Amino acid sequence: MNKIVTFKVSKGEDGFYVAAADDFGIHTQGKTFEDLLGNIREATELTFEENSNGSKSELPPIMMNIDYSEIHA
């Protein structure tokens, strides 16, 4: 598989970290940045499990774009 899932990461007004991969319709959040990373992985696995044979080895690479001015504001 040669697609890359790109997430835009920001921090919501409620203090949660938010990630969106609009090209794939994947959206998730986490209370901490570490929680967010785990949730991104899980959401991506679930999305591609539905679209493939369920083989996790077929997951595409994940890339994140983070605007640190939004994260640390």
PDB file of N, CA and C in Angstrom:
ATOM      1  N   MET A   1       0.857  -1.167   0.000  1.00  0.00           N
ATOM      2  CA  MET A   1       0.000   0.000   0.000  1.00  0.00           C
ATOM      3  C   MET A   1       0.903   1.229   0.000  1.00  0.00           C
ATOM      4  N   ASN A   2       0.655   2.150  -0.902  1.00  0.00           N
ATOM      5  CA  ASN A   2       1.538   3.302  -1.011  1.00  0.00           C
ATOM      6  C   ASN A   2       0.848   4.619  -0.653  1.00  0.00           C
ATOM      7  N   LYS A   3      -0.185   4.579   0.156  1.00  0.00           N
ATOM      8  CA  LYS A   3      -0.823   5.790   0.649  1.00  0.00           C
ATOM      9  C   LYS A   3      -0.242   6.134   2.008  1.00  0.00           C
ATOM     10  N   ILE A   4      -0.199   7.423   2.298  1.00  0.00           N
ATOM     11  CA  ILE A   4       0.239   7.899   3.606  1.00  0.00           C
ATOM     12  C   ILE A   4      -0.935   8.613   4.258  1.00  0.00           C
ATOM     13  N   VAL A   5      -1.232   8.255   5.497  1.00  0.00           N
ATOM     14  CA  VAL A   5      -2.298   8.915   6.244  1.00  0.00           C
ATOM     15  C   VAL A   5      -1.674  10.101   6.964  1.00  0.00           C
ATOM     16  N   THR A   6      -2.125  11.301   6.633  1.00  0.00           N
ATOM     17  CA  THR A   6      -1.583  12.518   7.230  1.00  0.00           C
ATOM     18  C   THR A   6      -2.617  13.126   8.172  1.00  0.00           C
ATOM     19  N   PHE A   7      -2.217  13.267   9.428  1.00  0.00           N
ATOM     20  CA  PHE A   7      -3.078  13.867  10.442  1.00  0.00           C
ATOM     21  C   PHE A   7      -2.644  15.288  10.726  1.00  0.00           C
ATOM     22  N   LYS A   8      -3.601  16.192  10.836  1.00  0.00           N
ATOM     23  CA  LYS A   8      -3.353  17.534  11.338  1.00  0.00           C
ATOM     24  C   LYS A   8      -3.692  17.497  12.820  1.00  0.00           C
ATOM     25  N   VAL A   9      -2.743  17.877  13.649  1.00  0.00           N
ATOM     26  CA  VAL A   9      -2.921  17.823  15.102  1.00  0.00           C
ATOM     27  C   VAL A   9      -3.022  19.238  15.648  1.00  0.00           C
ATOM     28  N   SER A  10      -4.012  19.450  16.495  1.00  0.00           N
ATOM     29  CA  SER A  10      -4.180  20.746  17.152  1.00  0.00           C
ATOM     30  C   SER A  10      -4.693  20.497  18.562  1.00  0.00           C
ATOM     31  N   LYS A  11      -4.807  21.571  19.309  1.00  0.00           N
ATOM     32  CA  LYS A  11      -5.336  21.462  20.667  1.00  0.00           C
ATOM     33  C   LYS A  11      -6.661  22.193  20.717  1.00  0.00           C
ATOM     34  N   GLY A  12      -7.703  21.495  21.128  1.00  0.00           N
ATOM     35  CA  GLY A  12      -9.032  22.083  21.192  1.00  0.00           C
ATOM     36  C   GLY A  12      -9.193  23.030  22.358  1.00  0.00           C
ATOM     37  N   GLU A  13     -10.273  23.786  22.336  1.00  0.00           N
ATOM     38  CA  GLU A  13     -10.554  24.738  23.413  1.00  0.00           C
ATOM     39  C   GLU A  13     -10.752  24.052  24.754  1.00  0.00           C
ATOM     40  N   ASP A  14     -11.150  22.769  24.714  1.00  0.00           N
ATOM     41  CA  ASP A  14     -11.370  22.021  25.945  1.00  0.00           C
ATOM     42  C   ASP A  14     -10.076  21.432  26.508  1.00  0.00           C
ATOM     43  N   GLY A  15      -8.936  21.682  25.826  1.00  0.00           N
ATOM     44  CA  GLY A  15      -7.650  21.194  26.298  1.00  0.00           C
ATOM     45  C   GLY A  15      -7.256  19.836  25.739  1.00  0.00           C
ATOM     46  N   PHE A  16      -8.167  19.171  25.044  1.00  0.00           N
ATOM     47  CA  PHE A  16      -7.859  17.883  24.436  1.00  0.00           C
ATOM     48  C   PHE A  16      -7.070  18.086  23.144  1.00  0.00           C
ATOM     49  N   TYR A  17      -6.211  17.128  22.840  1.00  0.00           N
ATOM     50  CA  TYR A  17      -5.504  17.117  21.566  1.00  0.00           C
ATOM     51  C   TYR A  17      -6.416  16.469  20.531  1.00  0.00           C
ATOM     52  N   VAL A  18      -6.475  17.058  19.352  1.00  0.00           N
ATOM     53  CA  VAL A  18      -7.373  16.610  18.297  1.00  0.00           C
ATOM     54  C   VAL A  18      -6.553  16.293  17.055  1.00  0.00           C
ATOM     55  N   ALA A  19      -6.876  15.172  16.385  1.00  0.00           N
ATOM     56  CA  ALA A  19      -6.193  14.799  15.149  1.00  0.00           C
ATOM     57  C   ALA A  19      -7.233  14.484  14.084  1.00  0.00           C
ATOM     58  N   ALA A  20      -6.983  14.976  12.868  1.00  0.00           N
ATOM     59  CA  ALA A  20      -7.906  14.730  11.764  1.00  0.00           C
ATOM     60  C   ALA A  20      -7.130  14.369  10.513  1.00  0.00           C
ATOM     61  N   ALA A  21      -7.526  13.269   9.892  1.00  0.00           N
ATOM     62  CA  ALA A  21      -7.018  12.869   8.577  1.00  0.00           C
ATOM     63  C   ALA A  21      -8.217  12.943   7.642  1.00  0.00           C
ATOM     64  N   ASP A  22      -8.500  14.139   7.162  1.00  0.00           N
ATOM     65  CA  ASP A  22      -9.717  14.382   6.396  1.00  0.00           C
ATOM     66  C   ASP A  22      -9.791  13.556   5.116  1.00  0.00           C
ATOM     67  N   ASP A  23      -8.658  13.265   4.486  1.00  0.00           N
ATOM     68  CA  ASP A  23      -8.661  12.477   3.247  1.00  0.00           C
ATOM     69  C   ASP A  23      -9.216  11.073   3.463  1.00  0.00           C
ATOM     70  N   PHE A  24      -9.129  10.583   4.705  1.00  0.00           N
ATOM     71  CA  PHE A  24      -9.596   9.231   5.009  1.00  0.00           C
ATOM     72  C   PHE A  24     -10.788   9.227   5.961  1.00  0.00           C
ATOM     73  N   GLY A  25     -11.256  10.408   6.368  1.00  0.00           N
ATOM     74  CA  GLY A  25     -12.394  10.495   7.281  1.00  0.00           C
ATOM     75  C   GLY A  25     -12.074   9.966   8.673  1.00  0.00           C
ATOM     76  N   ILE A  26     -10.818  10.126   9.109  1.00  0.00           N
ATOM     77  CA  ILE A  26     -10.415   9.650  10.430  1.00  0.00           C
ATOM     78  C   ILE A  26     -10.263  10.858  11.340  1.00  0.00           C
ATOM     79  N   HIS A  27     -10.950  10.836  12.476  1.00  0.00           N
ATOM     80  CA  HIS A  27     -10.866  11.906  13.471  1.00  0.00           C
ATOM     81  C   HIS A  27     -10.814  11.262  14.845  1.00  0.00           C
ATOM     82  N   THR A  28      -9.946  11.781  15.703  1.00  0.00           N
ATOM     83  CA  THR A  28      -9.835  11.250  17.058  1.00  0.00           C
ATOM     84  C   THR A  28      -9.294  12.334  17.972  1.00  0.00           C
ATOM     85  N   GLN A  29      -9.290  12.051  19.259  1.00  0.00           N
ATOM     86  CA  GLN A  29      -8.764  13.010  20.239  1.00  0.00           C
ATOM     87  C   GLN A  29      -8.197  12.253  21.426  1.00  0.00           C
ATOM     88  N   GLY A  30      -7.444  12.973  22.262  1.00  0.00           N
ATOM     89  CA  GLY A  30      -6.899  12.393  23.471  1.00  0.00           C
ATOM     90  C   GLY A  30      -6.671  13.470  24.513  1.00  0.00           C
ATOM     91  N   LYS A  31      -6.804  13.085  25.763  1.00  0.00           N
ATOM     92  CA  LYS A  31      -6.615  14.046  26.854  1.00  0.00           C
ATOM     93  C   LYS A  31      -5.156  14.493  26.934  1.00  0.00           C
ATOM     94  N   THR A  32      -4.234  13.561  26.689  1.00  0.00           N
ATOM     95  CA  THR A  32      -2.807  13.889  26.645  1.00  0.00           C
ATOM     96  C   THR A  32      -2.293  13.581  25.248  1.00  0.00           C
ATOM     97  N   PHE A  33      -1.109  14.079  24.929  1.00  0.00           N
ATOM     98  CA  PHE A  33      -0.522  13.811  23.617  1.00  0.00           C
ATOM     99  C   PHE A  33      -0.256  12.314  23.446  1.00  0.00           C
ATOM    100  N   GLU A  34       0.160  11.656  24.518  1.00  0.00           N
ATOM    101  CA  GLU A  34       0.406  10.213  24.470  1.00  0.00           C
ATOM    102  C   GLU A  34      -0.891   9.453  24.187  1.00  0.00           C
ATOM    103  N   ASP A  35      -1.982   9.883  24.829  1.00  0.00           N
ATOM    104  CA  ASP A  35      -3.292   9.278  24.552  1.00  0.00           C
ATOM    105  C   ASP A  35      -3.666   9.458  23.082  1.00  0.00           C
ATOM    106  N   LEU A  36      -3.406  10.652  22.563  1.00  0.00           N
ATOM    107  CA  LEU A  36      -3.723  10.940  21.169  1.00  0.00           C
ATOM    108  C   LEU A  36      -2.977  10.004  20.224  1.00  0.00           C
ATOM    109  N   LEU A  37      -1.692   9.771  20.485  1.00  0.00           N
ATOM    110  CA  LEU A  37      -0.907   8.885  19.620  1.00  0.00           C
ATOM    111  C   LEU A  37      -1.505   7.486  19.574  1.00  0.00           C
ATOM    112  N   GLY A  38      -1.890   6.961  20.729  1.00  0.00           N
ATOM    113  CA  GLY A  38      -2.522   5.646  20.766  1.00  0.00           C
ATOM    114  C   GLY A  38      -3.864   5.630  20.047  1.00  0.00           C
ATOM    115  N   ASN A  39      -4.630   6.702  20.201  1.00  0.00           N
ATOM    116  CA  ASN A  39      -5.935   6.791  19.553  1.00  0.00           C
ATOM    117  C   ASN A  39      -5.808   6.924  18.029  1.00  0.00           C
ATOM    118  N   ILE A  40      -4.764   7.617  17.579  1.00  0.00           N
ATOM    119  CA  ILE A  40      -4.512   7.718  16.136  1.00  0.00           C
ATOM    120  C   ILE A  40      -4.240   6.337  15.563  1.00  0.00           C
ATOM    121  N   ARG A  41      -3.389   5.589  16.234  1.00  0.00           N
ATOM    122  CA  ARG A  41      -3.059   4.237  15.776  1.00  0.00           C
ATOM    123  C   ARG A  41      -4.317   3.356  15.729  1.00  0.00           C
ATOM    124  N   GLU A  42      -5.096   3.385  16.807  1.00  0.00           N
ATOM    125  CA  GLU A  42      -6.298   2.566  16.884  1.00  0.00           C
ATOM    126  C   GLU A  42      -7.319   2.960  15.809  1.00  0.00           C
ATOM    127  N   ALA A  43      -7.551   4.257  15.633  1.00  0.00           N
ATOM    128  CA  ALA A  43      -8.518   4.726  14.633  1.00  0.00           C
ATOM    129  C   ALA A  43      -8.079   4.343  13.219  1.00  0.00           C
ATOM    130  N   THR A  44      -6.779   4.421  12.970  1.00  0.00           N
ATOM    131  CA  THR A  44      -6.258   4.057  11.649  1.00  0.00           C
ATOM    132  C   THR A  44      -6.415   2.557  11.415  1.00  0.00           C
ATOM    133  N   GLU A  45      -6.086   1.754  12.425  1.00  0.00           N
ATOM    134  CA  GLU A  45      -6.253   0.304  12.302  1.00  0.00           C
ATOM    135  C   GLU A  45      -7.704  -0.052  12.015  1.00  0.00           C
ATOM    136  N   LEU A  46      -8.634   0.542  12.746  1.00  0.00           N
ATOM    137  CA  LEU A  46     -10.053   0.239  12.555  1.00  0.00           C
ATOM    138  C   LEU A  46     -10.532   0.648  11.163  1.00  0.00           C
ATOM    139  N   THR A  47     -10.083   1.792  10.692  1.00  0.00           N
ATOM    140  CA  THR A  47     -10.485   2.267   9.374  1.00  0.00           C
ATOM    141  C   THR A  47      -9.998   1.327   8.281  1.00  0.00           C
ATOM    142  N   PHE A  48      -8.751   0.904   8.370  1.00  0.00           N
ATOM    143  CA  PHE A  48      -8.198   0.076   7.302  1.00  0.00           C
ATOM    144  C   PHE A  48      -8.541  -1.398   7.464  1.00  0.00           C
ATOM    145  N   GLU A  49      -8.907  -1.834   8.660  1.00  0.00           N
ATOM    146  CA  GLU A  49      -9.413  -3.192   8.830  1.00  0.00           C
ATOM    147  C   GLU A  49     -10.711  -3.366   8.061  1.00  0.00           C
ATOM    148  N   GLU A  50     -11.554  -2.346   8.097  1.00  0.00           N
ATOM    149  CA  GLU A  50     -12.838  -2.396   7.405  1.00  0.00           C
ATOM    150  C   GLU A  50     -12.647  -2.425   5.891  1.00  0.00           C
ATOM    151  N   ASN A  51     -11.551  -1.838   5.408  1.00  0.00           N
ATOM    152  CA  ASN A  51     -11.335  -1.716   3.975  1.00  0.00           C
ATOM    153  C   ASN A  51     -10.384  -2.759   3.415  1.00  0.00           C
ATOM    154  N   SER A  52      -9.875  -3.661   4.236  1.00  0.00           N
ATOM    155  CA  SER A  52      -8.931  -4.662   3.753  1.00  0.00           C
ATOM    156  C   SER A  52      -9.334  -6.031   4.274  1.00  0.00           C
ATOM    157  N   ASN A  53      -8.396  -6.944   4.269  1.00  0.00           N
ATOM    158  CA  ASN A  53      -8.649  -8.300   4.751  1.00  0.00           C
ATOM    159  C   ASN A  53      -8.513  -8.404   6.261  1.00  0.00           C
ATOM    160  N   GLY A  54      -8.356  -7.275   6.942  1.00  0.00           N
ATOM    161  CA  GLY A  54      -8.177  -7.287   8.384  1.00  0.00           C
ATOM    162  C   GLY A  54      -6.739  -7.480   8.796  1.00  0.00           C
ATOM    163  N   SER A  55      -5.835  -7.464   7.845  1.00  0.00           N
ATOM    164  CA  SER A  55      -4.418  -7.661   8.137  1.00  0.00           C
ATOM    165  C   SER A  55      -3.786  -6.342   8.558  1.00  0.00           C
ATOM    166  N   LYS A  56      -3.314  -6.281   9.790  1.00  0.00           N
ATOM    167  CA  LYS A  56      -2.713  -5.046  10.289  1.00  0.00           C
ATOM    168  C   LYS A  56      -1.381  -4.747   9.617  1.00  0.00           C
ATOM    169  N   SER A  57      -0.777  -5.710   8.956  1.00  0.00           N
ATOM    170  CA  SER A  57       0.489  -5.478   8.267  1.00  0.00           C
ATOM    171  C   SER A  57       0.291  -4.605   7.030  1.00  0.00           C
ATOM    172  N   GLU A  58      -0.955  -4.414   6.596  1.00  0.00           N
ATOM    173  CA  GLU A  58      -1.248  -3.604   5.425  1.00  0.00           C
ATOM    174  C   GLU A  58      -1.515  -2.137   5.767  1.00  0.00           C
ATOM    175  N   LEU A  59      -1.315  -1.746   7.006  1.00  0.00           N
ATOM    176  CA  LEU A  59      -1.551  -0.356   7.390  1.00  0.00           C
ATOM    177  C   LEU A  59      -0.562   0.560   6.680  1.00  0.00           C
ATOM    178  N   PRO A  60      -1.039   1.711   6.219  1.00  0.00           N
ATOM    179  CA  PRO A  60      -0.138   2.674   5.588  1.00  0.00           C
ATOM    180  C   PRO A  60       0.662   3.432   6.636  1.00  0.00           C
ATOM    181  N   PRO A  61       1.740   4.080   6.210  1.00  0.00           N
ATOM    182  CA  PRO A  61       2.484   4.935   7.149  1.00  0.00           C
ATOM    183  C   PRO A  61       1.599   6.081   7.632  1.00  0.00           C
ATOM    184  N   ILE A  62       1.871   6.540   8.843  1.00  0.00           N
ATOM    185  CA  ILE A  62       1.128   7.647   9.439  1.00  0.00           C
ATOM    186  C   ILE A  62       2.073   8.830   9.600  1.00  0.00           C
ATOM    187  N   MET A  63       1.625  10.006   9.164  1.00  0.00           N
ATOM    188  CA  MET A  63       2.407  11.221   9.307  1.00  0.00           C
ATOM    189  C   MET A  63       1.537  12.248  10.020  1.00  0.00           C
ATOM    190  N   MET A  64       2.152  13.063  10.884  1.00  0.00           N
ATOM    191  CA  MET A  64       1.407  14.091  11.599  1.00  0.00           C
ATOM    192  C   MET A  64       1.988  15.461  11.296  1.00  0.00           C
ATOM    193  N   ASN A  65       1.103  16.416  11.053  1.00  0.00           N
ATOM    194  CA  ASN A  65       1.482  17.818  10.925  1.00  0.00           C
ATOM    195  C   ASN A  65       1.021  18.507  12.192  1.00  0.00           C
ATOM    196  N   ILE A  66       1.970  19.054  12.919  1.00  0.00           N
ATOM    197  CA  ILE A  66       1.649  19.672  14.200  1.00  0.00           C
ATOM    198  C   ILE A  66       2.038  21.143  14.161  1.00  0.00           C
ATOM    199  N   ASP A  67       1.096  21.999  14.487  1.00  0.00           N
ATOM    200  CA  ASP A  67       1.365  23.418  14.626  1.00  0.00           C
ATOM    201  C   ASP A  67       1.643  23.670  16.106  1.00  0.00           C
ATOM    202  N   TYR A  68       2.916  23.751  16.460  1.00  0.00           N
ATOM    203  CA  TYR A  68       3.288  23.882  17.879  1.00  0.00           C
ATOM    204  C   TYR A  68       2.764  25.160  18.505  1.00  0.00           C
ATOM    205  N   SER A  69       2.526  26.189  17.699  1.00  0.00           N
ATOM    206  CA  SER A  69       1.974  27.410  18.281  1.00  0.00           C
ATOM    207  C   SER A  69       0.553  27.160  18.796  1.00  0.00           C
ATOM    208  N   GLU A  70      -0.194  26.248  18.135  1.00  0.00           N
ATOM    209  CA  GLU A  70      -1.537  25.892  18.618  1.00  0.00           C
ATOM    210  C   GLU A  70      -1.462  24.978  19.819  1.00  0.00           C
ATOM    211  N   ILE A  71      -0.498  24.048  19.814  1.00  0.00           N
ATOM    212  CA  ILE A  71      -0.380  23.041  20.863  1.00  0.00           C
ATOM    213  C   ILE A  71       0.051  23.671  22.183  1.00  0.00           C
ATOM    214  N   HIS A  72       0.990  24.577  22.131  1.00  0.00           N
ATOM    215  CA  HIS A  72       1.563  25.134  23.355  1.00  0.00           C
ATOM    216  C   HIS A  72       1.048  26.532  23.681  1.00  0.00           C
ATOM    217  N   ALA A  73      -0.043  26.915  23.062  1.00  0.00           N
ATOM    218  CA  ALA A  73      -0.595  28.259  23.325  1.00  0.00           C
ATOM    219  C   ALA A  73      -1.298  28.311  24.659  1.00  0.00           C
TER     220      ALA A  73
END
